[in-house]
Structure formats: C-alpha cells, structure tokens
Protein backbone atom coordinates (compact mmCIF):
# COMPACT_ATOMS: atom_id res chain seq x y z
CA MET A 1 31.32 3.66 -4.74
CA LEU A 2 29.44 0.25 -4.00
CA LEU A 3 32.46 -0.28 -1.42
CA ALA A 4 32.50 2.01 1.09
CA PRO A 5 29.63 0.53 2.89
CA VAL A 6 31.58 -2.67 2.74
CA ALA A 7 34.74 -1.06 4.61
CA VAL A 8 32.56 0.49 6.79
CA LEU A 9 31.04 -2.74 7.92
CA ALA A 10 34.29 -4.26 8.33
CA LEU A 11 35.25 -1.39 11.02
CA LEU A 12 32.21 -2.00 13.44
CA PRO A 13 33.15 -3.53 16.80
CA SER A 14 32.00 -7.00 16.64
CA ALA A 15 29.30 -6.58 19.25
CA LEU A 16 27.40 -4.83 17.07
CA LEU A 17 27.94 -6.95 14.23
CA GLY A 18 26.50 -9.78 16.43
CA SER A 19 23.60 -7.67 17.63
CA GLY A 20 22.60 -6.73 13.77
CA CYS A 21 22.74 -10.68 13.11
CA SER A 22 20.21 -10.94 15.73
CA SER A 23 18.22 -8.18 14.93
CA THR A 24 18.09 -9.47 11.23
CA ARG A 25 16.93 -13.38 12.53
CA ALA A 26 14.41 -11.41 14.89
CA GLN A 27 12.83 -9.64 12.11
CA ALA A 28 12.93 -12.72 9.68
CA ALA A 29 11.12 -14.70 12.59
CA LYS A 30 8.36 -12.06 13.03
CA PHE A 31 7.95 -12.02 9.38
CA THR A 32 7.83 -15.75 9.20
CA GLN A 33 5.75 -15.87 11.59
CA GLU A 34 3.48 -13.32 10.20
CA GLY A 35 2.96 -14.69 6.71
CA ASP A 36 2.24 -18.09 8.58
CA LYS A 37 -0.82 -16.41 10.50
CA ALA A 38 -1.60 -14.76 6.79
CA PHE A 39 -1.95 -18.15 5.16
CA ALA A 40 -3.60 -19.64 8.27
CA ALA A 41 -6.38 -17.04 8.16
CA ARG A 42 -9.90 -18.44 8.11
CA GLY A 43 -12.85 -16.71 7.03
CA LEU A 44 -16.37 -16.50 8.53
CA ARG A 45 -17.50 -19.17 10.91
CA VAL A 46 -21.19 -19.48 12.21
CA GLY A 47 -21.59 -22.05 14.89
CA ALA A 48 -25.65 -22.07 16.14
CA ALA A 49 -28.21 -20.29 14.84
CA ASN A 50 -29.45 -17.41 17.28
CA ARG A 51 -32.39 -18.45 18.55
CA ASP A 52 -32.65 -14.41 18.63
CA VAL A 53 -32.69 -13.41 15.64
CA GLN A 54 -34.96 -14.45 12.68
CA LEU A 55 -34.86 -13.87 9.18
CA VAL A 56 -37.70 -12.11 8.39
CA GLU A 57 -36.48 -12.44 4.48
CA ARG A 58 -33.40 -13.70 2.22
CA ALA A 59 -33.32 -12.51 -1.61
CA VAL A 60 -30.64 -12.76 -4.24
CA LEU A 61 -30.73 -10.17 -7.24
CA SER A 62 -28.65 -10.09 -10.26
CA ASP A 63 -27.87 -7.86 -13.79
CA ALA A 64 -25.07 -7.01 -15.38
CA ASN A 65 -23.54 -5.11 -12.69
CA GLY A 66 -23.86 -8.01 -10.50
CA THR A 67 -25.14 -10.10 -7.81
CA ALA A 68 -26.34 -8.59 -4.19
CA ALA A 69 -27.98 -10.61 -1.23
CA VAL A 70 -30.37 -8.80 0.76
CA VAL A 71 -31.26 -10.33 4.28
CA VAL A 72 -33.72 -8.67 6.43
CA LEU A 73 -33.08 -9.32 10.62
CA LYS A 74 -35.22 -8.17 13.25
CA ASN A 75 -33.95 -8.98 17.12
CA ARG A 76 -36.76 -10.90 19.04
CA GLY A 77 -34.63 -11.34 22.41
CA THR A 78 -34.19 -8.50 25.10
CA GLN A 79 -30.75 -7.51 24.83
CA ALA A 80 -28.72 -5.45 21.92
CA LEU A 81 -26.54 -7.11 19.93
CA ALA A 82 -23.30 -6.22 18.13
CA GLY A 83 -21.26 -7.61 15.58
CA VAL A 84 -23.74 -10.20 14.60
CA PRO A 85 -21.91 -12.75 12.58
CA LEU A 86 -23.99 -13.74 9.18
CA ALA A 87 -23.06 -16.29 7.15
CA LEU A 88 -24.44 -16.51 3.34
CA ALA A 89 -24.59 -19.00 0.69
CA VAL A 90 -26.18 -18.34 -2.89
CA LYS A 91 -27.24 -21.29 -4.90
CA ASP A 92 -28.98 -22.01 -8.01
CA ALA A 93 -32.28 -23.12 -9.10
CA HIS A 94 -31.14 -26.57 -8.47
CA GLY A 95 -29.55 -26.19 -5.12
CA LYS A 96 -26.22 -25.88 -5.95
CA LEU A 97 -23.24 -23.66 -4.18
CA LEU A 98 -22.42 -20.81 -5.88
CA TRP A 99 -20.61 -18.59 -3.37
CA ARG A 100 -20.59 -18.07 0.54
CA ASN A 101 -19.15 -15.01 2.27
CA ASP A 102 -16.31 -16.99 4.41
CA ALA A 103 -13.52 -15.81 2.79
CA PRO A 104 -10.67 -14.61 4.58
CA GLY A 105 -10.29 -10.62 4.74
CA LEU A 106 -13.70 -9.77 3.92
CA GLU A 107 -14.44 -6.22 5.34
CA PRO A 108 -16.94 -6.85 8.73
CA GLY A 109 -19.45 -5.14 6.95
CA LEU A 110 -19.80 -7.83 4.60
CA THR A 111 -19.87 -10.37 6.98
CA HIS A 112 -21.69 -8.73 10.19
CA VAL A 113 -24.46 -6.95 11.35
CA ALA A 114 -23.15 -4.10 13.41
CA LEU A 115 -26.21 -3.81 15.89
CA LEU A 116 -29.41 -5.02 16.61
CA ALA A 117 -31.65 -3.23 18.96
CA PRO A 118 -34.43 -5.34 21.00
CA GLY A 119 -37.54 -5.36 18.88
CA GLN A 120 -35.63 -3.94 15.44
CA THR A 121 -35.33 -4.82 11.88
CA VAL A 122 -32.68 -4.22 9.92
CA THR A 123 -32.43 -4.74 6.50
CA TRP A 124 -28.65 -5.65 5.26
CA VAL A 125 -27.22 -5.59 1.80
CA ASN A 126 -23.88 -7.76 0.43
CA ASP A 127 -22.93 -6.10 -2.88
CA GLN A 128 -19.74 -8.01 -3.30
CA VAL A 129 -21.24 -11.68 -3.90
CA LEU A 130 -18.94 -12.94 -6.79
CA THR A 131 -20.64 -15.68 -8.72
CA PRO A 132 -19.34 -17.19 -11.75
CA PRO A 133 -20.04 -15.36 -14.86
CA PRO A 134 -22.50 -16.71 -17.93
CA PRO A 135 -22.78 -19.56 -19.23
CA ALA A 136 -22.86 -20.35 -15.22
CA PRO A 137 -25.77 -21.19 -13.61
CA ARG A 138 -27.58 -17.52 -12.12
CA PRO A 139 -28.16 -17.09 -8.89
CA ALA A 140 -31.25 -18.12 -7.48
CA ALA A 141 -31.69 -18.66 -3.88
CA LEU A 142 -30.05 -17.52 -0.80
CA ALA A 143 -29.11 -19.03 2.23
CA ALA A 144 -29.01 -17.24 5.73
CA LYS A 145 -27.56 -18.00 9.01
CA ALA A 146 -27.18 -15.40 12.21
CA GLY A 147 -24.65 -16.00 15.12
CA ALA A 148 -24.46 -15.53 18.39
CA GLY A 149 -22.80 -11.67 18.07
CA ALA A 150 -21.90 -9.58 21.59
CA PRO A 151 -23.90 -7.95 23.89
CA ALA A 152 -23.90 -4.20 22.85
CA PRO A 153 -22.72 -1.40 25.05
CA PRO A 154 -26.00 0.26 27.06
CA THR A 155 -24.81 3.39 25.58
CA ALA A 156 -25.73 2.38 22.04
CA ALA A 157 -29.01 2.73 22.33
CA ARG A 158 -28.54 6.40 22.44
CA LEU A 159 -26.90 6.27 18.56
CA ASP A 160 -29.12 7.53 15.89
CA ILE A 161 -28.20 7.65 12.34
CA ALA A 162 -30.53 8.93 10.12
CA VAL A 163 -30.58 8.99 6.33
CA ARG A 164 -32.22 11.98 4.58
CA GLN A 165 -32.94 13.82 1.21
CA ALA A 166 -32.94 10.89 -1.00
CA ARG A 167 -33.07 10.61 -4.63
CA LEU A 168 -32.67 8.77 -8.21
CA GLU A 169 -29.36 10.58 -10.55
CA GLY A 170 -28.68 9.00 -13.66
CA ASP A 171 -30.33 7.38 -16.75
CA PRO A 172 -30.35 3.71 -17.73
CA ALA A 173 -27.30 4.20 -19.99
CA SER A 174 -24.66 5.32 -17.80
CA GLY A 175 -26.54 3.48 -14.22
CA VAL A 176 -29.43 4.87 -11.57
CA THR A 177 -27.82 5.76 -8.76
CA ALA A 178 -29.25 7.07 -5.09
CA VAL A 179 -27.92 10.10 -3.56
CA ALA A 180 -28.71 11.27 0.41
CA ASN A 181 -27.26 12.35 3.33
CA ALA A 182 -26.32 10.69 6.15
CA VAL A 183 -27.12 12.31 9.70
CA ASN A 184 -25.32 11.56 12.77
CA GLY A 185 -27.74 12.59 15.73
CA SER A 186 -25.65 11.58 18.54
CA GLY A 187 -21.94 12.84 19.85
CA VAL A 188 -19.92 9.64 18.32
CA ASP A 189 -18.27 9.77 15.32
CA GLN A 190 -18.66 7.09 13.24
CA ARG A 191 -16.11 5.31 11.21
CA ASP A 192 -16.68 3.33 7.87
CA LEU A 193 -20.52 3.55 8.60
CA VAL A 194 -22.26 1.41 6.44
CA VAL A 195 -25.44 2.03 4.30
CA ALA A 196 -27.75 -0.40 3.16
CA ALA A 197 -30.46 0.32 0.82
CA VAL A 198 -32.80 -1.58 -1.29
CA ALA A 199 -36.04 -0.70 -3.57
CA ARG A 200 -39.33 -2.05 -3.65
CA ARG A 201 -41.62 -2.08 -6.09
CA GLY A 202 -45.59 -2.92 -5.18
CA GLY A 203 -43.73 -4.68 -2.37
CA LYS A 204 -41.46 -6.59 -4.37
CA LEU A 205 -37.77 -6.04 -3.66
CA VAL A 206 -36.30 -4.86 -7.47
CA ALA A 207 -32.91 -3.39 -6.50
CA ALA A 208 -30.25 -3.21 -3.82
CA GLY A 209 -27.02 -2.07 -2.94
CA ARG A 210 -24.83 -0.11 -0.42
CA ALA A 211 -22.52 2.65 0.43
CA ILE A 212 -19.81 3.50 3.03
CA VAL A 213 -19.39 6.69 4.87
CA PRO A 214 -15.55 7.09 5.61
CA LEU A 215 -16.03 9.21 8.70
CA LEU A 216 -19.31 10.72 9.80
CA ARG A 217 -18.48 13.54 12.12
CA ALA A 218 -20.57 13.70 15.56
CA HIS A 219 -24.04 15.99 15.14
CA GLY A 220 -22.56 16.13 11.36
CA HIS A 221 -23.52 14.81 7.66
CA GLU A 222 -22.35 13.45 5.28
CA ARG A 223 -23.38 13.00 1.07
CA PHE A 224 -23.64 9.26 -0.08
CA GLN A 225 -24.35 7.57 -3.10
CA VAL A 226 -25.36 4.07 -3.65
CA PHE A 227 -25.08 1.88 -7.12
CA PHE A 228 -27.88 -0.69 -7.41
CA VAL A 229 -28.13 -4.14 -8.34
CA GLY A 230 -31.35 -4.00 -10.11
CA ASP A 231 -33.44 -0.96 -11.09
CA PRO A 232 -34.95 1.47 -8.28
CA ARG A 233 -36.83 3.68 -11.21
CA GLY A 234 -40.22 3.71 -9.93
CA ALA A 235 -39.52 2.05 -6.70
CA GLU A 236 -39.62 2.95 -2.99
CA LEU A 237 -36.39 3.52 -1.63
CA HIS A 238 -35.85 2.05 2.08
CA PHE A 239 -32.14 2.91 3.53
CA ASP A 240 -30.98 1.27 6.67
CA ALA A 241 -27.60 2.53 8.48
CA GLN A 242 -26.55 1.02 11.97
CA PRO A 243 -23.80 2.72 14.02
CA SER A 244 -20.40 1.00 13.35
CA THR A 245 -19.18 2.64 16.30
CA LEU A 246 -20.78 1.80 19.18
CA GLY A 247 -18.46 3.27 22.45
CA GLY A 248 -18.53 6.18 24.11
CA ALA A 249 -22.15 7.50 23.24
CA ARG A 250 -23.95 10.28 25.28
C-alpha cells in the first residue's frame, strides 16, 4: 500500500514537482521565522513612569492557594488612558527579588490596566504571582511602575460595566469564593473582561482575586466566580471591572 503514492509522484510533471519543492521551502522558512520570533519574544518592558498615574496603594497577599498582587491606581491627568502597562516586582522582607510580571506570553490582564478615566481610581489584581514555595522566603513587598499607555477613544466614556448581587459561597475547607453578576450597560460586547475583587476588613486588605468573563454581551449580564488569595469572610467586598473592548461605544 505504501508504494502507490510513490508511483503517482513519479508520474507528476517536473513543473509541479518544482512547485512543490518551492512551497515546502517557503513553509519551512516561515516556520523557522515564526520559531525565531517565539524565541525572541520579550515580556513586559516599562520605561519612564507615567506621572499622571498615581499608585495609591500596593500590596501582596499570600496563603496556601498562592500569591496575589494588588495595585490601586488613580489617573490624575485629563486624558483617558487605555492599555496602561504595569510592571510588578515582588520582594521578600530583605528586599530580594522573588518574581516579576515580565515573562513572555502573559495575558494582557496580568500586565496592563485596561482603562483609566480622568480622575478615576481603579483596583487591579494579578493573582498569578509565581513565587518559590516554602522554605523559600515569603513575599513581603510589592514594587510597581505604571507606563504611558495610549489615549482611549472618546467613546470609551460611554462604557459602563457594573457588578451586582455579589455574595460569598463555600466554606473554609473547600474554599470561600465570591459569586456575582457582571452587567454591561453599553451597546458594546465585552470580550475577556477582567473583574478584580478585593476584600477589606477594617480598611485593611485581607483577600484578593479576579475573574475573567469570556463574553459579556451588549446590555447583557453574566455570572462569574472569584477565587481568593486570603480570607474574605466578614470583610467588605469591592469589585472593579474595566471595559476590555473600547471601540464602537454608543
């Protein structure tokens, strides 16, 4: 059975054989080029700090479930900013670097703030902090730097994402989570919407997590669930969902 294809190939016109070789070489060159790009891929790089973006609060939380970084930012400028890069560095109590969010291939929600409107304060969470396990030193401090970002389209001001009907579920043994509804008050579908959640007890940050809503239809709502680092029981919950799809607002 294996001889039939070989016999057929032997009867093909030489022009087609040459064409096939050229195509194969082109594909090989393309794959090599793409492979080179993958090896040369760079992670997040933030140059000068954005003077219009104030870092109001920085914190790092750890428990048996992992480590989360929390940054509260405020846009003190007059321009709405989109895709603001945010570089993080987690350190131990002695200032030794444990982790950065500069690995290639991270999702945008772990490296950028989707939208910062003028005068707006936004809570942002990265719950994918990969620090060395015990007996390595515990995370103790978070350094952060916000970059330039890009001017947001004027229509971004019309976007409205709300979080409603939030409640805690579960128990200490299986894990306590927050369940809520994301509500899209605009006429623009939101894709890969990131919802940050923090819990404060007596004003102190005690838990943080985030959820991703794959698709939130225009004027629609979707249920989501947040898994926390830290214990949110008895604490005040706060959610922040910045629009991920800015164009076409109406």
